C-alpha atoms as a PDB file:
ATOM      1  CA  MET A   1      16.084   0.276   1.004  1.00  0.00           C
ATOM      2  CA  GLY A   2      15.890  -3.737   0.539  1.00  0.00           C
ATOM      3  CA  CYS A   3      19.590  -4.027  -0.727  1.00  0.00           C
ATOM      4  CA  GLY A   4      22.265  -5.860   0.017  1.00  0.00           C
ATOM      5  CA  ILE A   5      22.756  -8.890   0.837  1.00  0.00           C
ATOM      6  CA  TRP A   6      23.588 -10.768   4.836  1.00  0.00           C
ATOM      7  CA  ARG A   7      27.062 -10.994   5.021  1.00  0.00           C
ATOM      8  CA  GLU A   8      29.095 -13.317   8.373  1.00  0.00           C
ATOM      9  CA  ASP A   9      31.593 -11.640   7.571  1.00  0.00           C
ATOM     10  CA  THR A  10      30.248  -7.916   8.040  1.00  0.00           C
ATOM     11  CA  PHE A  11      28.274  -8.902  10.777  1.00  0.00           C
ATOM     12  CA  ARG A  12      31.354 -10.323  12.738  1.00  0.00           C
ATOM     13  CA  SER A  13      32.893  -6.264  11.476  1.00  0.00           C
ATOM     14  CA  TYR A  14      29.701  -5.001  13.245  1.00  0.00           C
ATOM     15  CA  SER A  15      29.483  -6.249  16.139  1.00  0.00           C
ATOM     16  CA  ARG A  16      33.075  -5.377  17.029  1.00  0.00           C
ATOM     17  CA  ARG A  17      32.484  -1.806  16.456  1.00  0.00           C
ATOM     18  CA  MET A  18      29.672  -2.930  19.061  1.00  0.00           C
ATOM     19  CA  GLY A  19      31.765  -3.754  21.637  1.00  0.00           C
ATOM     20  CA  ARG A  20      30.802  -7.152  21.365  1.00  0.00           C
ATOM     21  CA  ARG A  21      32.387 -10.706  21.162  1.00  0.00           C
ATOM     22  CA  VAL A  22      30.739 -13.163  17.873  1.00  0.00           C
ATOM     23  CA  GLY A  23      31.326 -17.031  18.857  1.00  0.00           C
ATOM     24  CA  ALA A  24      32.874 -19.465  16.514  1.00  0.00           C
ATOM     25  CA  ASP A  25      28.606 -20.625  15.857  1.00  0.00           C
ATOM     26  CA  GLY A  26      27.783 -17.187  14.433  1.00  0.00           C
ATOM     27  CA  ALA A  27      26.081 -16.208  17.394  1.00  0.00           C
ATOM     28  CA  ILE A  28      27.340 -13.112  19.728  1.00  0.00           C
ATOM     29  CA  ALA A  29      28.698 -14.395  22.811  1.00  0.00           C
ATOM     30  CA  GLY A  30      28.452 -14.058  26.084  1.00  0.00           C
ATOM     31  CA  ASP A  31      25.919 -13.687  29.122  1.00  0.00           C
ATOM     32  CA  LEU A  32      24.728  -9.876  28.230  1.00  0.00           C
ATOM     33  CA  LYS A  33      21.492  -8.794  29.341  1.00  0.00           C
ATOM     34  CA  ASN A  34      19.044  -6.878  27.705  1.00  0.00           C
ATOM     35  CA  GLN A  35      20.050  -3.538  28.564  1.00  0.00           C
ATOM     36  CA  GLU A  36      23.899  -4.139  27.017  1.00  0.00           C
ATOM     37  CA  LEU A  37      22.201  -4.638  23.957  1.00  0.00           C
ATOM     38  CA  PHE A  38      19.125  -2.626  23.710  1.00  0.00           C
ATOM     39  CA  ALA A  39      20.510   0.702  25.455  1.00  0.00           C
ATOM     40  CA  ALA A  40      17.845   3.165  24.049  1.00  0.00           C
ATOM     41  CA  LYS A  41      15.800   5.508  26.234  1.00  0.00           C
ATOM     42  CA  THR A  42      12.932   6.245  24.310  1.00  0.00           C
ATOM     43  CA  ILE A  43      11.913   5.211  21.067  1.00  0.00           C
ATOM     44  CA  ASP A  44      14.281   6.501  18.497  1.00  0.00           C
ATOM     45  CA  PRO A  45      12.811   8.193  15.357  1.00  0.00           C
ATOM     46  CA  LEU A  46      14.136   5.753  12.880  1.00  0.00           C
ATOM     47  CA  LEU A  47      11.234   3.662  14.736  1.00  0.00           C
ATOM     48  CA  ASN A  48       9.106   5.932  14.936  1.00  0.00           C
ATOM     49  CA  PRO A  49       5.552   4.572  12.905  1.00  0.00           C
ATOM     50  CA  LYS A  50       4.020   8.220  13.041  1.00  0.00           C
ATOM     51  CA  ASN A  51       2.303   9.092   9.485  1.00  0.00           C
ATOM     52  CA  VAL A  52       4.833   6.686   7.370  1.00  0.00           C
ATOM     53  CA  MET A  53       4.634   3.906   4.592  1.00  0.00           C
ATOM     54  CA  ARG A  54       7.225   1.201   5.005  1.00  0.00           C
ATOM     55  CA  GLU A  55       7.899  -0.573   1.308  1.00  0.00           C
ATOM     56  CA  CYS A  56       9.838  -4.421   0.625  1.00  0.00           C
ATOM     57  CA  CYS A  57      10.313  -2.740  -3.137  1.00  0.00           C
ATOM     58  CA  ASP A  58      12.298  -5.177  -5.670  1.00  0.00           C
ATOM     59  CA  THR A  59      14.857  -5.068  -7.050  1.00  0.00           C
ATOM     60  CA  GLU A  60      17.465  -6.307  -9.495  1.00  0.00           C
ATOM     61  CA  GLU A  61      19.360  -7.553  -6.401  1.00  0.00           C
ATOM     62  CA  HIS A  62      16.227  -9.317  -5.059  1.00  0.00           C
ATOM     63  CA  PRO A  63      13.433  -9.523  -7.689  1.00  0.00           C
ATOM     64  CA  ALA A  64      11.641 -11.495  -6.272  1.00  0.00           C
ATOM     65  CA  THR A  65      11.681 -10.348  -2.339  1.00  0.00           C
ATOM     66  CA  ILE A  66       9.604 -12.367   0.478  1.00  0.00           C
ATOM     67  CA  PRO A  67       8.822  -9.966   2.916  1.00  0.00           C
ATOM     68  CA  VAL A  68       8.978 -10.908   6.605  1.00  0.00           C
ATOM     69  CA  ILE A  69       7.645  -9.478   9.375  1.00  0.00           C
ATOM     70  CA  LEU A  70       9.104  -9.958  13.390  1.00  0.00           C
ATOM     71  CA  ALA A  71       7.535  -8.905  15.829  1.00  0.00           C
ATOM     72  CA  LEU A  72       8.717  -8.878  19.387  1.00  0.00           C
ATOM     73  CA  ASP A  73       7.236  -8.387  22.645  1.00  0.00           C
ATOM     74  CA  VAL A  74       9.000  -5.167  24.093  1.00  0.00           C
ATOM     75  CA  THR A  75       7.042  -5.546  27.923  1.00  0.00           C
ATOM     76  CA  GLY A  76       8.924  -6.650  30.949  1.00  0.00           C
ATOM     77  CA  SER A  77       8.744  -9.934  30.470  1.00  0.00           C
ATOM     78  CA  MET A  78      10.099 -10.754  26.745  1.00  0.00           C
ATOM     79  CA  GLY A  79      13.150  -8.738  27.319  1.00  0.00           C
ATOM     80  CA  ASN A  80      15.285 -12.185  27.012  1.00  0.00           C
ATOM     81  CA  ALA A  81      13.415 -13.710  24.220  1.00  0.00           C
ATOM     82  CA  ALA A  82      14.692 -10.486  22.083  1.00  0.00           C
ATOM     83  CA  VAL A  83      18.251 -11.055  23.502  1.00  0.00           C
ATOM     84  CA  GLU A  84      18.207 -14.561  22.105  1.00  0.00           C
ATOM     85  CA  VAL A  85      16.930 -12.937  18.401  1.00  0.00           C
ATOM     86  CA  ALA A  86      19.432 -10.802  19.026  1.00  0.00           C
ATOM     87  CA  LYS A  87      22.405 -12.761  19.295  1.00  0.00           C
ATOM     88  CA  ARG A  88      21.729 -15.341  17.039  1.00  0.00           C
ATOM     89  CA  LEU A  89      20.404 -13.016  14.078  1.00  0.00           C
ATOM     90  CA  ASN A  90      23.652 -13.912  12.341  1.00  0.00           C
ATOM     91  CA  ILE A  91      22.384 -17.814  12.745  1.00  0.00           C
ATOM     92  CA  ILE A  92      19.379 -17.318  11.132  1.00  0.00           C
ATOM     93  CA  MET A  93      20.172 -15.118   8.676  1.00  0.00           C
ATOM     94  CA  THR A  94      22.680 -16.946   7.143  1.00  0.00           C
ATOM     95  CA  ARG A  95      21.091 -20.022   7.709  1.00  0.00           C
ATOM     96  CA  LEU A  96      17.841 -18.340   5.324  1.00  0.00           C
ATOM     97  CA  TYR A  97      20.245 -17.292   3.193  1.00  0.00           C
ATOM     98  CA  ASP A  98      21.270 -20.566   2.069  1.00  0.00           C
ATOM     99  CA  LYS A  99      17.303 -21.992   1.264  1.00  0.00           C
ATOM    100  CA  VAL A 100      15.583 -18.161   0.399  1.00  0.00           C
ATOM    101  CA  LYS A 101      18.219 -15.218  -1.662  1.00  0.00           C
ATOM    102  CA  ASP A 102      15.001 -12.756  -1.514  1.00  0.00           C
ATOM    103  CA  VAL A 103      13.817 -12.570   2.275  1.00  0.00           C
ATOM    104  CA  GLU A 104      13.997  -9.236   3.831  1.00  0.00           C
ATOM    105  CA  PHE A 105      12.861  -7.911   7.335  1.00  0.00           C
ATOM    106  CA  MET A 106      10.596  -6.189   8.999  1.00  0.00           C
ATOM    107  CA  ILE A 107      11.269  -5.258  12.987  1.00  0.00           C
ATOM    108  CA  MET A 108       8.530  -4.241  15.471  1.00  0.00           C
ATOM    109  CA  GLY A 109       8.747  -4.153  18.472  1.00  0.00           C
ATOM    110  CA  ILE A 110       5.109  -4.278  20.632  1.00  0.00           C
ATOM    111  CA  GLY A 111       3.941  -3.156  23.948  1.00  0.00           C
ATOM    112  CA  ASP A 112       0.576  -2.316  25.184  1.00  0.00           C
ATOM    113  CA  PHE A 113      -1.573   0.400  23.873  1.00  0.00           C
ATOM    114  CA  ALA A 114      -3.335   1.057  26.988  1.00  0.00           C
ATOM    115  CA  TYR A 115      -0.540   2.154  28.902  1.00  0.00           C
ATOM    116  CA  ASP A 116       2.590   2.230  27.391  1.00  0.00           C
ATOM    117  CA  ARG A 117       4.433   5.263  26.384  1.00  0.00           C
ATOM    118  CA  CYS A 118       5.403   4.095  22.732  1.00  0.00           C
ATOM    119  CA  PRO A 119       4.108   0.870  22.105  1.00  0.00           C
ATOM    120  CA  LEU A 120       4.989   0.563  18.588  1.00  0.00           C
ATOM    121  CA  GLN A 121       8.545   0.952  16.781  1.00  0.00           C
ATOM    122  CA  VAL A 122       8.603  -0.272  13.362  1.00  0.00           C
ATOM    123  CA  SER A 123      12.036  -0.696  11.060  1.00  0.00           C
ATOM    124  CA  GLN A 124      12.289  -0.294   7.608  1.00  0.00           C
ATOM    125  CA  PHE A 125      12.657  -3.557   5.136  1.00  0.00           C
ATOM    126  CA  GLU A 126      15.807  -4.942   4.949  1.00  0.00           C
ATOM    127  CA  SER A 127      18.508  -7.376   3.749  1.00  0.00           C
ATOM    128  CA  ASP A 128      21.706  -6.622   5.062  1.00  0.00           C
ATOM    129  CA  ILE A 129      23.390  -5.839   8.101  1.00  0.00           C
ATOM    130  CA  ARG A 130      20.903  -3.095   8.836  1.00  0.00           C
ATOM    131  CA  ILE A 131      18.466  -5.523  10.066  1.00  0.00           C
ATOM    132  CA  ALA A 132      20.655  -5.852  12.905  1.00  0.00           C
ATOM    133  CA  GLU A 133      21.233  -1.805  13.204  1.00  0.00           C
ATOM    134  CA  GLN A 134      17.596  -1.309  13.560  1.00  0.00           C
ATOM    135  CA  LEU A 135      17.061  -4.010  16.112  1.00  0.00           C
ATOM    136  CA  ASP A 136      19.678  -2.751  18.176  1.00  0.00           C
ATOM    137  CA  LYS A 137      17.461   0.785  17.989  1.00  0.00           C
ATOM    138  CA  LEU A 138      14.489  -0.988  19.725  1.00  0.00           C
ATOM    139  CA  TYR A 139      13.396   1.092  22.536  1.00  0.00           C
ATOM    140  CA  PHE A 140      12.513  -1.095  25.958  1.00  0.00           C
ATOM    141  CA  GLU A 141      10.110   0.145  27.626  1.00  0.00           C
ATOM    142  CA  PHE A 142       9.664  -3.186  29.771  1.00  0.00           C
ATOM    143  CA  GLY A 143       5.699  -1.927  30.777  1.00  0.00           C
ATOM    144  CA  GLY A 144       3.036  -3.746  29.722  1.00  0.00           C
ATOM    145  CA  GLY A 145      -0.065  -3.409  32.162  1.00  0.00           C
ATOM    146  CA  GLY A 146      -2.522  -5.257  34.068  1.00  0.00           C
ATOM    147  CA  ASN A 147      -5.001  -6.258  30.905  1.00  0.00           C
ATOM    148  CA  ASN A 148      -3.089  -9.288  30.282  1.00  0.00           C
ATOM    149  CA  TYR A 149      -2.627  -9.365  27.396  1.00  0.00           C
ATOM    150  CA  GLU A 150      -0.187  -7.149  24.823  1.00  0.00           C
ATOM    151  CA  SER A 151      -1.187  -4.882  21.537  1.00  0.00           C
ATOM    152  CA  TYR A 152       0.308  -8.092  19.369  1.00  0.00           C
ATOM    153  CA  THR A 153      -2.464  -7.008  16.189  1.00  0.00           C
ATOM    154  CA  ALA A 154      -0.965  -3.290  16.099  1.00  0.00           C
ATOM    155  CA  ALA A 155       1.521  -5.729  13.769  1.00  0.00           C
ATOM    156  CA  TRP A 156      -1.603  -6.794  11.992  1.00  0.00           C
ATOM    157  CA  TYR A 157      -3.259  -3.281  11.505  1.00  0.00           C
ATOM    158  CA  PHE A 158      -0.007  -1.788  10.577  1.00  0.00           C
ATOM    159  CA  ALA A 159       1.112  -4.357   8.275  1.00  0.00           C
ATOM    160  CA  VAL A 160      -2.473  -3.618   6.815  1.00  0.00           C
ATOM    161  CA  ASN A 161      -2.694  -0.251   6.615  1.00  0.00           C
ATOM    162  CA  HIS A 162       1.299   1.246   6.409  1.00  0.00           C
ATOM    163  CA  VAL A 163       3.162  -0.726   4.418  1.00  0.00           C
ATOM    164  CA  LYS A 164       3.830  -2.056   0.548  1.00  0.00           C
ATOM    165  CA  LEU A 165       5.026  -4.848  -0.979  1.00  0.00           C
ATOM    166  CA  ASP A 166       5.793  -5.245  -4.223  1.00  0.00           C
ATOM    167  CA  ALA A 167       4.671  -9.246  -3.972  1.00  0.00           C
ATOM    168  CA  TRP A 168       1.359  -8.241  -3.542  1.00  0.00           C
ATOM    169  CA  ASP A 169       1.737  -7.507  -7.005  1.00  0.00           C
ATOM    170  CA  ARG A 170       2.778 -10.553  -8.239  1.00  0.00           C
ATOM    171  CA  GLY A 171      -0.236 -12.273  -6.057  1.00  0.00           C
ATOM    172  CA  GLN A 172       2.158 -13.491  -3.163  1.00  0.00           C
ATOM    173  CA  LYS A 173       1.585 -12.459   0.360  1.00  0.00           C
ATOM    174  CA  GLY A 174       3.847 -11.380   3.101  1.00  0.00           C
ATOM    175  CA  LEU A 175       4.714 -13.436   6.000  1.00  0.00           C
ATOM    176  CA  ILE A 176       4.122 -11.708   9.853  1.00  0.00           C
ATOM    177  CA  ILE A 177       5.284 -13.204  13.005  1.00  0.00           C
ATOM    178  CA  THR A 178       4.505 -11.990  15.838  1.00  0.00           C
ATOM    179  CA  MET A 179       6.148 -13.197  19.723  1.00  0.00           C
ATOM    180  CA  GLY A 180       5.607 -12.900  23.131  1.00  0.00           C
ATOM    181  CA  ASP A 181       4.120 -14.665  26.796  1.00  0.00           C
ATOM    182  CA  GLU A 182       0.930 -13.320  26.725  1.00  0.00           C
ATOM    183  CA  ALA A 183      -2.772 -14.042  25.210  1.00  0.00           C
ATOM    184  CA  ALA A 184      -4.324 -12.536  22.348  1.00  0.00           C
ATOM    185  CA  ASN A 185      -5.311  -8.580  22.120  1.00  0.00           C
ATOM    186  CA  PRO A 186      -9.113  -8.596  22.078  1.00  0.00           C
ATOM    187  CA  TYR A 187      -8.797  -4.501  20.075  1.00  0.00           C
ATOM    188  CA  ILE A 188      -6.511  -1.826  19.866  1.00  0.00           C
ATOM    189  CA  PRO A 189      -7.527   1.407  21.610  1.00  0.00           C
ATOM    190  CA  GLY A 190      -8.250   3.476  18.698  1.00  0.00           C
ATOM    191  CA  GLU A 191      -7.763   6.931  19.749  1.00  0.00           C
ATOM    192  CA  ARG A 192      -4.043   5.472  20.873  1.00  0.00           C
ATOM    193  CA  LEU A 193      -3.566   3.997  17.635  1.00  0.00           C
ATOM    194  CA  GLY A 194      -4.017   7.348  16.187  1.00  0.00           C
ATOM    195  CA  GLU A 195      -2.361   9.237  18.578  1.00  0.00           C
ATOM    196  CA  VAL A 196       0.954   6.799  17.678  1.00  0.00           C
ATOM    197  CA  THR A 197       0.616   6.035  13.352  1.00  0.00           C
ATOM    198  CA  GLY A 198      -1.470   9.504  12.592  1.00  0.00           C
ATOM    199  CA  ALA A 199      -4.052   7.929  11.262  1.00  0.00           C
ATOM    200  CA  ALA A 200      -7.532   9.380  12.117  1.00  0.00           C
ATOM    201  CA  MET A 201      -9.116   6.335  14.113  1.00  0.00           C
ATOM    202  CA  LEU A 202     -13.029   7.170  15.317  1.00  0.00           C
ATOM    203  CA  LYS A 203     -13.093   3.746  16.673  1.00  0.00           C
ATOM    204  CA  ASP A 204     -11.298   0.698  18.804  1.00  0.00           C
ATOM    205  CA  VAL A 205      -9.793  -1.717  16.190  1.00  0.00           C
ATOM    206  CA  GLU A 206     -11.196  -4.892  17.047  1.00  0.00           C
ATOM    207  CA  THR A 207      -9.288  -7.664  16.400  1.00  0.00           C
ATOM    208  CA  GLU A 208     -11.899 -10.502  15.206  1.00  0.00           C
ATOM    209  CA  LYS A 209     -12.750  -7.206  11.992  1.00  0.00           C
ATOM    210  CA  LEU A 210      -9.144  -7.003  11.631  1.00  0.00           C
ATOM    211  CA  LEU A 211      -8.329 -10.673  11.291  1.00  0.00           C
ATOM    212  CA  PRO A 212      -9.698 -11.138   7.522  1.00  0.00           C
ATOM    213  CA  GLU A 213      -8.298  -8.018   6.598  1.00  0.00           C
ATOM    214  CA  VAL A 214      -4.505  -9.122   7.841  1.00  0.00           C
ATOM    215  CA  LEU A 215      -4.680 -12.888   6.090  1.00  0.00           C
ATOM    216  CA  GLU A 216      -5.748 -11.235   2.243  1.00  0.00           C
ATOM    217  CA  LYS A 217      -2.207 -10.040   3.007  1.00  0.00           C
ATOM    218  CA  TYR A 218      -0.593 -11.655   4.966  1.00  0.00           C
ATOM    219  CA  ASP A 219       0.098 -15.429   6.404  1.00  0.00           C
ATOM    220  CA  VAL A 220      -0.061 -14.724  10.394  1.00  0.00           C
ATOM    221  CA  TYR A 221       1.933 -16.676  12.599  1.00  0.00           C
ATOM    222  CA  HIS A 222       2.485 -16.313  16.609  1.00  0.00           C
ATOM    223  CA  ILE A 223       4.906 -17.597  17.883  1.00  0.00           C
ATOM    224  CA  TYR A 224       4.465 -18.157  22.006  1.00  0.00           C
ATOM    225  CA  VAL A 225       7.804 -18.451  24.703  1.00  0.00           C
ATOM    226  CA  ASP A 226       6.304 -20.654  27.792  1.00  0.00           C
ATOM    227  CA  HIS A 227       9.495 -19.169  29.518  1.00  0.00           C
ATOM    228  CA  ARG A 228       7.601 -19.213  32.644  1.00  0.00           C
ATOM    229  CA  ALA A 229       6.761 -22.560  34.095  1.00  0.00           C
ATOM    230  CA  GLY A 230       3.531 -23.241  31.579  1.00  0.00           C
ATOM    231  CA  ARG A 231       1.974 -19.960  33.833  1.00  0.00           C
ATOM    232  CA  ASN A 232      -1.670 -19.544  32.105  1.00  0.00           C
ATOM    233  CA  VAL A 233      -0.321 -20.994  28.875  1.00  0.00           C
ATOM    234  CA  GLU A 234      -3.481 -23.233  28.347  1.00  0.00           C
ATOM    235  CA  ARG A 235      -5.546 -20.287  28.877  1.00  0.00           C
ATOM    236  CA  ASP A 236      -3.597 -17.979  27.097  1.00  0.00           C
ATOM    237  CA  ILE A 237      -3.406 -20.421  23.739  1.00  0.00           C
ATOM    238  CA  VAL A 238      -7.625 -20.507  24.068  1.00  0.00           C
ATOM    239  CA  THR A 239      -7.561 -17.070  22.632  1.00  0.00           C
ATOM    240  CA  TRP A 240      -5.434 -17.215  20.303  1.00  0.00           C
ATOM    241  CA  GLU A 241      -7.458 -19.891  18.768  1.00  0.00           C
ATOM    242  CA  LYS A 242     -10.023 -17.948  18.488  1.00  0.00           C
ATOM    243  CA  TYR A 243      -8.065 -16.068  14.990  1.00  0.00           C
ATOM    244  CA  LEU A 244      -5.506 -18.746  14.066  1.00  0.00           C
ATOM    245  CA  ASP A 245      -6.115 -22.252  12.672  1.00  0.00           C
ATOM    246  CA  LYS A 246      -3.774 -24.508  15.202  1.00  0.00           C
ATOM    247  CA  GLN A 247      -0.599 -24.619  13.169  1.00  0.00           C
ATOM    248  CA  ASN A 248       0.138 -21.086  13.106  1.00  0.00           C
ATOM    249  CA  ILE A 249       0.281 -20.788  16.712  1.00  0.00           C
ATOM    250  CA  ARG A 250       3.656 -22.579  17.673  1.00  0.00           C
ATOM    251  CA  VAL A 251       4.167 -22.714  21.661  1.00  0.00           C
ATOM    252  CA  ILE A 252       8.006 -22.743  22.778  1.00  0.00           C
ATOM    253  CA  LYS A 253      10.873 -22.833  24.628  1.00  0.00           C
ATOM    254  CA  MET A 254      13.373 -19.566  24.806  1.00  0.00           C
ATOM    255  CA  ASP A 255      16.111 -21.823  23.653  1.00  0.00           C
ATOM    256  CA  GLU A 256      13.787 -22.891  20.160  1.00  0.00           C
ATOM    257  CA  ILE A 257      13.147 -19.729  19.457  1.00  0.00           C
ATOM    258  CA  VAL A 258      15.543 -19.594  16.167  1.00  0.00           C
ATOM    259  CA  ASP A 259      14.582 -22.797  15.177  1.00  0.00           C
ATOM    260  CA  GLU A 260      11.074 -22.000  15.269  1.00  0.00           C
ATOM    261  CA  ILE A 261      11.741 -18.728  13.085  1.00  0.00           C
ATOM    262  CA  ILE A 262      13.505 -20.129  10.407  1.00  0.00           C
ATOM    263  CA  ARG A 263      11.394 -23.402  10.138  1.00  0.00           C
ATOM    264  CA  ILE A 264       8.516 -20.344   9.900  1.00  0.00           C
ATOM    265  CA  VAL A 265       9.934 -17.921   7.446  1.00  0.00           C
ATOM    266  CA  THR A 266      11.578 -20.913   4.995  1.00  0.00           C
ATOM    267  CA  ALA A 267       8.263 -23.384   5.201  1.00  0.00           C
ATOM    268  CA  PHE A 268       6.524 -19.575   4.104  1.00  0.00           C
ATOM    269  CA  ALA A 269       9.023 -18.990   1.525  1.00  0.00           C
ATOM    270  CA  GLY A 270       8.615 -22.686  -0.412  1.00  0.00           C
ATOM    271  CA  ASN A 271       4.807 -22.887  -0.187  1.00  0.00           C
ATOM    272  CA  ASP A 272       3.286 -21.935  -3.176  1.00  0.00           C
ATOM    273  CA  ALA A 273       0.079 -21.997  -2.340  1.00  0.00           C
ATOM    274  CA  LEU A 274       0.205 -18.730  -0.246  1.00  0.00           C
ATOM    275  CA  LYS A 275      -1.407 -16.581  -3.435  1.00  0.00           C
ATOM    276  CA  LYS A 276      -3.097 -12.779  -1.704  1.00  0.00           C
ATOM    277  CA  GLY A 277      -6.718 -13.021  -1.147  1.00  0.00           C
ATOM    278  CA  ARG A 278      -6.775 -16.945  -1.017  1.00  0.00           C
ATOM    279  CA  VAL A 279      -8.371 -16.900   2.820  1.00  0.00           C
ATOM    280  CA  GLU A 280      -9.091 -19.651   4.963  1.00  0.00           C
ATOM    281  CA  LEU A 281     -10.406 -18.754   8.218  1.00  0.00           C
ATOM    282  CA  PRO A 282     -10.461 -20.863  10.906  1.00  0.00           C
ATOM    283  CA  LYS A 283     -13.585 -21.796  12.152  1.00  0.00           C
ATOM    284  CA  ALA A 284     -13.409 -20.789  15.095  1.00  0.00           C
ATOM    285  CA  ALA A 285     -12.918 -17.419  14.184  1.00  0.00           C
ATOM    286  CA  GLY A 286     -16.987 -17.447  13.938  1.00  0.00           C
ATOM    287  CA  ILE A 287     -16.068 -15.004  11.268  1.00  0.00           C
ATOM    288  CA  ALA A 288     -18.356 -14.811   7.524  1.00  0.00           C
ATOM    289  CA  TRP A 289     -16.168 -14.314   4.859  1.00  0.00           C
END
């Protein structure tokens, strides 16, 4: 896993096989709906997180891998955001590879551990067309519930406990970007998390306690997609500020998703200060390190 490089001609060939047209700008053309791009009716075995370990390994082709986990909210309200990523994935990767040769992406699908049948999906780390292939396999359950948040920090938990990065051996962190339109979840139900991942869970995983573990190994961002006329944005952002520094919380409109992902990844790749173990928790978190 993780071999190969992103090539636009390969993306165009793949898109033709999938019955899609790529425009002159490199994006998938046409007004495709969520169900047209993401046709899966249940979780794909390749994305099942149960009893798996994902790895991002250095190779001769990519000797200094930059691991990026992009976790997409796949509940009912966020379908259009994932479509934006899928349609413009070629633009994201082409622009990144102009500056960052060794970036490798894991795609996650995040739902709600209290309500959804398939609340977590995880791809392999890849650097070529397999990113698009795995993104296409995401199952949109269109779930979520009445708790006013989704289980975003499941991405943190999985990244800490079920991922191996060669970058860590070089003293470097990985990068996690979650993307959604709800408040931060205060915990993940432990029993359900154990069922989904295969881990032996005795209690719920509290976000406050998970935070220092993830910040030791990853730089963490949340992209809040404001696509509902500002509904509850300020209320939701306050919950994220309990855990993340303000500069790591990005509030954007739907048409800004691509540029924001590129901005975060390129800044991360060029930041020599992001060393594993050097953790500065935001004061608002209220955690003693």
